Every structure is written in structure tokens, then in C-alpha cells.
Amino acid sequence: MGDSYIEVLIERDKNKTYFLGKIASYVVAIILFLLALSTGFSPFLIGGIVLGVVGIFVVPNPDYEFEYLLLNKELSVDKIIAKSKRKSLASYDLNKMEIMCPLNSHELDRYRNNNTKVKNFSSDKEGITPYVIVYHGENGDELVYVEPDERFISAVKNLFPRKVLEY
């Protein structure tokens, strides 16, 4: 039996309000610094430093993408942050997958009302319908949102022909 190896890289949609908030915090920090210099009032200086540190170090960078790696019957999901750091998020043995179908499929109706955990590894871009993997893990059922390409869907369908639905 041949090994199947598929790698898919999905860029996460950037949040516009995040950038506006970060710019606003920088502008307020600069104004506080200028007020501290002109008045000599130290709370303005402390507020400016705090806002600057929060804007640079505390607020996370939203520039990330997901990488799906399908190797034989195992799916691993990694998060690549700012195209430089990699963090492993999850690994799934697809033998424990019940179905894989588009998000708008009626096959998912029986899982939507349960207290099933949802893990969203899709781009959240408008107009793109992610696929959902219903996974039975050790910690209960999970709905795993992924955004596979045609090669990925075809490879999983070759491995599990009755579990992959395209409707």
C-alpha cells in the first residue's frame, strides 16, 4: 500500500479591527509621551510606556496560517506565526473519524446540538465553506473545521471512501 502525503497551507483572514486598535494604542501612547514631555507630569509618561509595551509585546500577532499535514491516516495541524514560528496544535488519527463533509451538510445536524467541542482551523474567509471532520477522541467528540484542497479531499476519500461526503 502506498503512502499518502499531502500538505496544505491556509492563511488566516486578518482581523481589520485588530489593526485599528493597535494603531490607536500607538497614537494614544505617543500623545501621552508628548503630554509628559510638555507638562512634566509623570503619570502621562507611565501611561505612554504601558500602552507602548502592551501594543508591542502583549497583543498577539494575528498574522498566522494553518498547515495541514496528512501522512497516511494521520492528520496533524500546525500554526505558523508570522511565517517564522511553528506551533503544533493537534494530531488526529483518521481511523477515529466518523465523517468528513462540508459545513453546510445536513449530515452534521445531529452533532450541532450536542455539547461537542469545536476546533476551527479554517481561514474564516467569506465565500469559502470549510469541511468538518467529526472526530471521536479520548476526550469526547470534536468537530474539527479544516479548509482542504482537492488533493486533500481526494486523498482522504481514497483512504476512507464511505466517510467523506461532498454534499
Foldseek 3Di string as FASTA:
>chain_A
DDKDKDKDKAWADDDPVLVVVLVVLQVQLVVLVVVCVVPVDCVSPVSSVVSVCCSPPVDFDSGKMWMWIDIRQKIWIWIQGPVPDIDTDDMARNVQWQAKEWPPDPVCVVVVPDPAAEAERHRPDPPAIWIWTFGQDPVGTYTYTYRDDPSVLVVVCVNPVVRYDYD
